Amino acid sequence: MTPKQKYPRLTPLAAVFLALLVLVVLVAGGNWAVYMDLLDIRRVSAPLPAMEAGRDATTDSTTVVRVGVVSRFAPSIIYRLYQPIMDYCNAHSARRHQLSLSQSYSDAAQRLRTGEDQASFLGALMCSRLPRDSELEPTLIPLNKSGSTAFHVALIVKDNSPIGSLADLTHRRVALPSRKSFSGMWLQRAGLASAGLTVADLDTLQHFKHHETVVWQVLRGNFDAGVVKESLARRYRTRGLRVVALSPAIPGPPLVINRRFRDEATDELVRLLLALDPTDPADRRLMATWTQEFAYGFRAVDRAEFLDLFQDPLPAPEEEP
């Protein structure tokens, strides 16, 4: 029998020294707070409460309304951003509204087509690529602080970076979110061209699954610049990020339903979200605790507003968020 290998035990003093060494390394990077905020990106997370990829966690007879969301962010961050909307709906309905996490836009759309999910927050690019006769129809769209539907993606760099414009990206390493999203395609299809550059002028161009991962890569110095949603870029301005450029305005993520399965439950969901009034003090206080993307209410939208929305030949987002 092979003897068990014995490992030396750490003395209490050695354990304290090791812990302090790890802390010093993290703080030396200047990103301790950011590291703690983004920690869940760097681990595999178990399914979160009431968000088990479309599976119903209830055992009673309560009607469940599943609302899809694509994993543009780590699961725990998705829960933090979207669950307050579900809580609001649950507080004003006898039905239970539950998040349903999809790994891609195509997965989210398929759940809508089969009726597994009753509604889903899809990207504007995805909606613009739906066939004109698609049974999936956008119903609501979020508003920004000024009451319009204009949102942007942002080119970000570290505060101390010499990069001051798109033209400065020559020979630089750039991190992007998924290649099937507008955020992941704007730079190489429009942003670089506006500065007279092409992808060949860059040193590196790499896509990551989550927007927060892009933030992490830039703050750690692994990449010189990155592209993320403007709301996320603004959130990290006080933590070492600077916005260099913004994309043209695009609509925020619309709430999409399958008109073939439209019923009283989906109509109630739409009514509840439309009822939010950012000029009402109570609603304003409530939405102030939500993600900025949904902090100013919604307005109704129809399919026609997304037809030919993007003139550039961006690919259809079929596989990734």
Protein backbone atom coordinates (compact mmCIF):
# COMPACT_ATOMS: atom_id res chain seq x y z
CA MET A 1 0.00 0.00 0.00
CA THR A 2 1.34 3.39 -0.95
CA PRO A 3 1.84 5.51 2.17
CA LYS A 4 -0.20 8.69 2.35
CA GLN A 5 1.78 11.80 1.57
CA LYS A 6 2.12 14.08 4.56
CA TYR A 7 1.92 17.85 4.15
CA PRO A 8 3.40 20.33 6.62
CA ARG A 9 0.84 22.13 8.76
CA LEU A 10 0.84 25.92 8.71
CA THR A 11 1.52 27.54 12.05
CA PRO A 12 -0.94 30.28 13.06
CA LEU A 13 1.73 32.91 12.40
CA ALA A 14 2.44 31.51 8.93
CA ALA A 15 -1.28 31.43 8.10
CA VAL A 16 -1.65 35.09 9.11
CA PHE A 17 1.40 36.01 7.03
CA LEU A 18 0.01 34.20 3.98
CA ALA A 19 -3.37 35.94 4.29
CA LEU A 20 -1.68 39.34 4.59
CA LEU A 21 0.47 38.58 1.54
CA VAL A 22 -2.64 37.81 -0.57
CA LEU A 23 -4.28 41.03 0.65
CA VAL A 24 -1.21 43.11 -0.22
CA VAL A 25 -1.07 41.65 -3.72
CA LEU A 26 -4.74 42.51 -4.33
CA VAL A 27 -4.51 46.03 -2.88
CA ALA A 28 -1.29 46.68 -4.80
CA GLY A 29 -3.28 46.21 -7.94
CA GLY A 30 -5.45 49.15 -6.90
CA ASN A 31 -8.63 47.22 -7.49
CA TRP A 32 -9.66 45.66 -4.16
CA ALA A 33 -13.20 47.07 -4.24
CA VAL A 34 -13.59 46.16 -7.87
CA TYR A 35 -12.24 42.67 -7.22
CA MET A 36 -14.81 42.10 -4.49
CA ASP A 37 -17.58 43.42 -6.74
CA LEU A 38 -16.59 41.24 -9.67
CA LEU A 39 -15.50 38.17 -7.70
CA ASP A 40 -18.38 36.01 -8.89
CA ILE A 41 -17.19 36.30 -12.50
CA ARG A 42 -14.13 34.29 -11.62
CA ARG A 43 -15.93 31.32 -10.07
CA VAL A 44 -18.60 28.90 -11.23
CA SER A 45 -21.86 29.83 -9.53
CA ALA A 46 -24.65 27.45 -8.54
CA PRO A 47 -28.17 28.30 -9.78
CA LEU A 48 -29.63 31.20 -7.84
CA PRO A 49 -33.00 31.18 -6.06
CA ALA A 50 -35.95 31.37 -8.46
CA MET A 51 -33.61 31.55 -11.47
CA GLU A 52 -32.88 27.97 -12.46
CA ALA A 53 -32.69 28.20 -16.24
CA GLY A 54 -36.43 28.18 -16.71
CA ARG A 55 -37.30 25.54 -14.10
CA ASP A 56 -40.13 26.29 -11.69
CA ALA A 57 -39.02 26.29 -8.06
CA THR A 58 -42.59 26.34 -6.73
CA THR A 59 -44.61 23.35 -5.67
CA ASP A 60 -47.98 25.03 -5.13
CA SER A 61 -50.67 25.98 -7.61
CA THR A 62 -49.51 29.59 -8.04
CA THR A 63 -49.30 30.57 -11.69
CA VAL A 64 -45.66 31.18 -12.61
CA VAL A 65 -44.74 33.78 -15.21
CA ARG A 66 -41.21 33.10 -16.44
CA VAL A 67 -39.32 36.15 -17.65
CA GLY A 68 -36.19 35.37 -19.63
CA VAL A 69 -32.89 37.16 -19.35
CA VAL A 70 -29.68 36.42 -21.24
CA SER A 71 -26.47 35.91 -19.26
CA ARG A 72 -24.68 39.05 -20.38
CA PHE A 73 -23.41 39.23 -16.79
CA ALA A 74 -22.44 36.63 -14.19
CA PRO A 75 -25.50 34.84 -12.71
CA SER A 76 -25.34 36.54 -9.31
CA ILE A 77 -25.12 39.94 -11.00
CA ILE A 78 -28.04 39.08 -13.26
CA TYR A 79 -30.05 38.22 -10.16
CA ARG A 80 -29.09 41.49 -8.49
CA LEU A 81 -30.04 43.53 -11.57
CA TYR A 82 -33.31 41.86 -12.54
CA GLN A 83 -34.80 40.33 -9.40
CA PRO A 84 -36.08 43.69 -8.04
CA ILE A 85 -38.33 43.93 -11.12
CA MET A 86 -39.72 40.49 -10.35
CA ASP A 87 -40.24 41.50 -6.71
CA TYR A 88 -42.22 44.56 -7.81
CA CYS A 89 -44.43 42.45 -10.08
CA ASN A 90 -44.95 39.84 -7.36
CA ALA A 91 -46.00 42.53 -4.89
CA HIS A 92 -48.77 43.68 -7.25
CA SER A 93 -49.94 40.35 -8.67
CA ALA A 94 -51.35 37.04 -7.50
CA ARG A 95 -49.00 35.39 -9.99
CA ARG A 96 -45.38 34.57 -9.31
CA HIS A 97 -42.90 36.23 -11.68
CA GLN A 98 -39.65 34.32 -11.94
CA LEU A 99 -36.40 34.93 -13.77
CA SER A 100 -35.36 32.35 -16.37
CA LEU A 101 -31.67 32.45 -17.27
CA SER A 102 -30.62 31.69 -20.86
CA GLN A 103 -27.06 31.20 -22.06
CA SER A 104 -27.61 32.91 -25.42
CA TYR A 105 -30.07 35.06 -27.35
CA SER A 106 -31.00 32.10 -29.52
CA ASP A 107 -31.76 30.06 -26.40
CA ALA A 108 -33.92 32.88 -25.01
CA ALA A 109 -35.78 33.22 -28.30
CA GLN A 110 -36.38 29.47 -28.47
CA ARG A 111 -37.88 29.49 -24.97
CA LEU A 112 -40.30 32.16 -26.15
CA ARG A 113 -41.19 30.21 -29.28
CA THR A 114 -42.03 27.07 -27.31
CA GLY A 115 -43.88 28.92 -24.55
CA GLU A 116 -41.40 27.82 -21.87
CA ASP A 117 -40.88 31.50 -21.06
CA GLN A 118 -43.76 33.96 -21.24
CA ALA A 119 -41.60 37.04 -21.83
CA SER A 120 -37.91 37.83 -22.25
CA PHE A 121 -35.57 40.82 -22.26
CA LEU A 122 -33.78 40.52 -25.61
CA GLY A 123 -31.21 42.81 -27.20
CA ALA A 124 -32.09 45.51 -29.72
CA LEU A 125 -29.83 43.89 -32.31
CA MET A 126 -31.61 40.56 -31.86
CA CYS A 127 -35.00 42.22 -32.35
CA SER A 128 -33.83 44.05 -35.45
CA ARG A 129 -32.87 40.69 -37.00
CA LEU A 130 -36.19 38.94 -36.35
CA PRO A 131 -38.10 38.09 -39.55
CA ARG A 132 -40.88 40.54 -40.36
CA ASP A 133 -43.46 37.82 -39.83
CA SER A 134 -41.93 36.58 -36.57
CA GLU A 135 -44.33 35.60 -33.79
CA LEU A 136 -41.94 37.25 -31.33
CA GLU A 137 -42.84 40.89 -30.80
CA PRO A 138 -41.24 43.62 -28.67
CA THR A 139 -43.80 45.18 -26.33
CA LEU A 140 -41.90 47.47 -23.95
CA ILE A 141 -38.65 49.37 -24.04
CA PRO A 142 -36.79 51.03 -21.13
CA LEU A 143 -36.40 54.79 -20.87
CA ASN A 144 -33.29 56.70 -19.88
CA LYS A 145 -33.02 59.63 -17.47
CA SER A 146 -34.15 62.14 -20.09
CA GLY A 147 -37.21 60.05 -20.98
CA SER A 148 -35.93 58.81 -24.35
CA THR A 149 -35.02 55.28 -25.38
CA ALA A 150 -31.43 56.11 -26.39
CA PHE A 151 -28.64 54.01 -24.86
CA HIS A 152 -24.99 53.61 -25.84
CA VAL A 153 -22.03 51.29 -25.51
CA ALA A 154 -18.76 52.80 -24.35
CA LEU A 155 -15.08 52.39 -25.12
CA ILE A 156 -13.33 52.28 -21.74
CA VAL A 157 -9.71 52.57 -20.60
CA LYS A 158 -7.94 52.93 -17.25
CA ASP A 159 -7.75 56.44 -15.81
CA ASN A 160 -4.01 56.65 -16.40
CA SER A 161 -4.14 55.32 -19.96
CA PRO A 162 -2.66 57.49 -22.75
CA ILE A 163 -5.55 56.44 -25.01
CA GLY A 164 -7.74 59.47 -25.64
CA SER A 165 -9.72 58.54 -28.74
CA LEU A 166 -10.58 55.69 -31.06
CA ALA A 167 -7.60 56.66 -33.23
CA ASP A 168 -5.26 55.78 -30.36
CA LEU A 169 -6.19 52.10 -30.50
CA THR A 170 -3.46 51.32 -33.02
CA HIS A 171 -1.38 48.36 -31.77
CA ARG A 172 -3.54 48.13 -28.64
CA ARG A 173 -5.18 45.13 -26.94
CA VAL A 174 -8.98 45.45 -26.86
CA ALA A 175 -11.49 43.36 -24.87
CA LEU A 176 -15.09 42.99 -26.05
CA PRO A 177 -18.26 41.26 -24.86
CA SER A 178 -19.93 38.61 -27.02
CA ARG A 179 -19.39 38.89 -30.75
CA LYS A 180 -23.12 38.31 -31.34
CA SER A 181 -24.21 41.46 -29.50
CA PHE A 182 -24.21 45.09 -30.59
CA SER A 183 -21.73 45.84 -27.80
CA GLY A 184 -19.41 43.18 -29.17
CA MET A 185 -19.67 44.25 -32.81
CA TRP A 186 -19.88 48.05 -32.81
CA LEU A 187 -16.15 48.71 -32.55
CA GLN A 188 -14.96 46.57 -35.46
CA ARG A 189 -17.96 47.31 -37.70
CA ALA A 190 -18.29 51.06 -37.16
CA GLY A 191 -16.15 52.51 -34.35
CA LEU A 192 -12.74 51.71 -35.85
CA ALA A 193 -13.79 52.80 -39.34
CA SER A 194 -14.85 56.20 -37.99
CA ALA A 195 -11.22 56.69 -36.92
CA GLY A 196 -9.76 55.35 -40.15
CA LEU A 197 -8.72 52.04 -38.57
CA THR A 198 -9.43 48.37 -39.14
CA VAL A 199 -9.11 45.31 -36.90
CA ALA A 200 -5.71 44.68 -38.51
CA ASP A 201 -4.44 47.88 -36.87
CA LEU A 202 -5.01 46.44 -33.40
CA ASP A 203 -2.63 44.22 -31.48
CA THR A 204 -5.34 41.95 -30.05
CA LEU A 205 -9.13 41.76 -30.17
CA GLN A 206 -10.73 39.22 -27.82
CA HIS A 207 -14.36 38.54 -26.86
CA PHE A 208 -15.51 37.58 -23.37
CA LYS A 209 -18.85 36.25 -22.21
CA HIS A 210 -19.65 38.88 -19.59
CA HIS A 211 -19.45 42.68 -19.65
CA GLU A 212 -17.97 42.69 -16.14
CA THR A 213 -15.18 40.42 -17.34
CA VAL A 214 -14.25 43.13 -19.86
CA VAL A 215 -14.13 45.67 -17.02
CA TRP A 216 -11.92 43.34 -15.00
CA GLN A 217 -9.54 42.73 -17.90
CA VAL A 218 -9.07 46.46 -18.47
CA LEU A 219 -8.64 47.36 -14.79
CA ARG A 220 -6.08 44.60 -14.29
CA GLY A 221 -4.09 45.85 -17.28
CA ASN A 222 -4.52 42.67 -19.29
CA PHE A 223 -6.10 44.76 -22.06
CA ASP A 224 -5.59 48.41 -22.98
CA ALA A 225 -9.25 49.13 -23.72
CA GLY A 226 -12.66 47.48 -23.75
CA VAL A 227 -16.24 47.98 -24.85
CA VAL A 228 -19.17 47.62 -22.44
CA LYS A 229 -22.64 49.02 -21.88
CA GLU A 230 -22.51 52.71 -21.00
CA SER A 231 -24.41 52.18 -17.74
CA LEU A 232 -21.73 49.76 -16.56
CA ALA A 233 -18.93 52.09 -17.63
CA ARG A 234 -20.48 54.95 -15.65
CA ARG A 235 -20.78 52.75 -12.58
CA TYR A 236 -17.03 52.15 -12.55
CA ARG A 237 -15.89 55.71 -13.29
CA THR A 238 -14.91 56.20 -9.64
CA ARG A 239 -12.99 52.92 -9.59
CA GLY A 240 -10.37 53.66 -12.17
CA LEU A 241 -12.19 53.64 -15.51
CA ARG A 242 -12.54 56.40 -18.08
CA VAL A 243 -14.92 56.57 -21.07
CA VAL A 244 -13.12 57.45 -24.31
CA ALA A 245 -15.93 57.16 -26.87
CA LEU A 246 -19.61 56.30 -27.17
CA SER A 247 -21.46 54.44 -29.90
CA PRO A 248 -24.43 55.97 -31.72
CA ALA A 249 -27.66 55.73 -29.74
CA ILE A 250 -29.49 52.39 -29.75
CA PRO A 251 -32.66 51.27 -27.94
CA GLY A 252 -32.34 49.52 -24.60
CA PRO A 253 -33.27 45.84 -24.22
CA PRO A 254 -36.98 45.43 -25.09
CA LEU A 255 -39.34 43.07 -23.33
CA VAL A 256 -40.42 40.53 -25.96
CA ILE A 257 -43.39 38.16 -25.90
CA ASN A 258 -44.73 35.50 -28.25
CA ARG A 259 -48.01 36.83 -29.61
CA ARG A 260 -49.16 33.23 -30.16
CA PHE A 261 -49.10 32.69 -26.39
CA ARG A 262 -50.14 36.16 -25.33
CA ASP A 263 -52.66 35.87 -22.49
CA GLU A 264 -53.87 37.56 -19.32
CA ALA A 265 -50.57 36.84 -17.54
CA THR A 266 -48.41 38.55 -20.17
CA ASP A 267 -50.87 41.43 -20.46
CA GLU A 268 -50.68 41.94 -16.70
CA LEU A 269 -46.87 41.95 -16.81
CA VAL A 270 -46.95 44.64 -19.50
CA ARG A 271 -49.49 46.70 -17.54
CA LEU A 272 -47.45 46.52 -14.34
CA LEU A 273 -44.28 47.77 -16.02
CA LEU A 274 -46.06 50.50 -17.96
CA ALA A 275 -47.69 51.69 -14.74
CA LEU A 276 -44.33 52.75 -13.32
CA ASP A 277 -44.11 56.55 -13.38
CA PRO A 278 -40.66 58.13 -12.84
CA THR A 279 -42.36 61.43 -11.96
CA ASP A 280 -44.23 59.79 -9.06
CA PRO A 281 -42.16 60.06 -5.85
CA ALA A 282 -42.98 56.52 -4.68
CA ASP A 283 -42.18 54.94 -8.04
CA ARG A 284 -39.04 57.04 -8.34
CA ARG A 285 -37.80 55.85 -4.94
CA LEU A 286 -38.54 52.25 -5.90
CA MET A 287 -36.79 52.39 -9.27
CA ALA A 288 -33.79 54.20 -7.79
CA THR A 289 -32.84 50.85 -6.23
CA TRP A 290 -32.94 49.09 -9.62
CA THR A 291 -30.24 48.83 -12.23
CA GLN A 292 -29.86 52.15 -14.05
CA GLU A 293 -31.00 50.51 -17.26
CA PHE A 294 -34.53 50.16 -15.85
CA ALA A 295 -34.55 53.01 -13.33
CA TYR A 296 -36.70 55.40 -15.38
CA GLY A 297 -39.64 53.28 -16.43
CA PHE A 298 -40.82 51.90 -19.76
CA ARG A 299 -42.90 52.82 -22.76
CA ALA A 300 -44.79 50.70 -25.26
CA VAL A 301 -43.00 49.76 -28.45
CA ASP A 302 -43.89 47.82 -31.58
CA ARG A 303 -42.03 45.67 -34.07
CA ALA A 304 -41.81 48.44 -36.69
CA GLU A 305 -39.41 50.46 -34.53
CA PHE A 306 -36.79 47.73 -34.85
CA LEU A 307 -37.01 47.11 -38.58
CA ASP A 308 -33.79 48.18 -40.33
CA LEU A 309 -32.56 49.62 -37.03
CA PHE A 310 -28.92 48.83 -37.80
CA GLN A 311 -27.76 49.77 -41.25
CA ASP A 312 -24.29 48.22 -40.85
CA PRO A 313 -24.07 44.55 -41.87
CA LEU A 314 -23.86 43.17 -38.33
CA PRO A 315 -24.35 39.41 -38.10
CA ALA A 316 -27.47 37.92 -36.57
CA PRO A 317 -26.93 37.08 -32.88
CA GLU A 318 -27.67 33.36 -33.13
CA GLU A 319 -25.38 31.78 -30.60
CA GLU A 320 -23.99 34.08 -27.93
CA PRO A 321 -25.31 36.92 -25.74
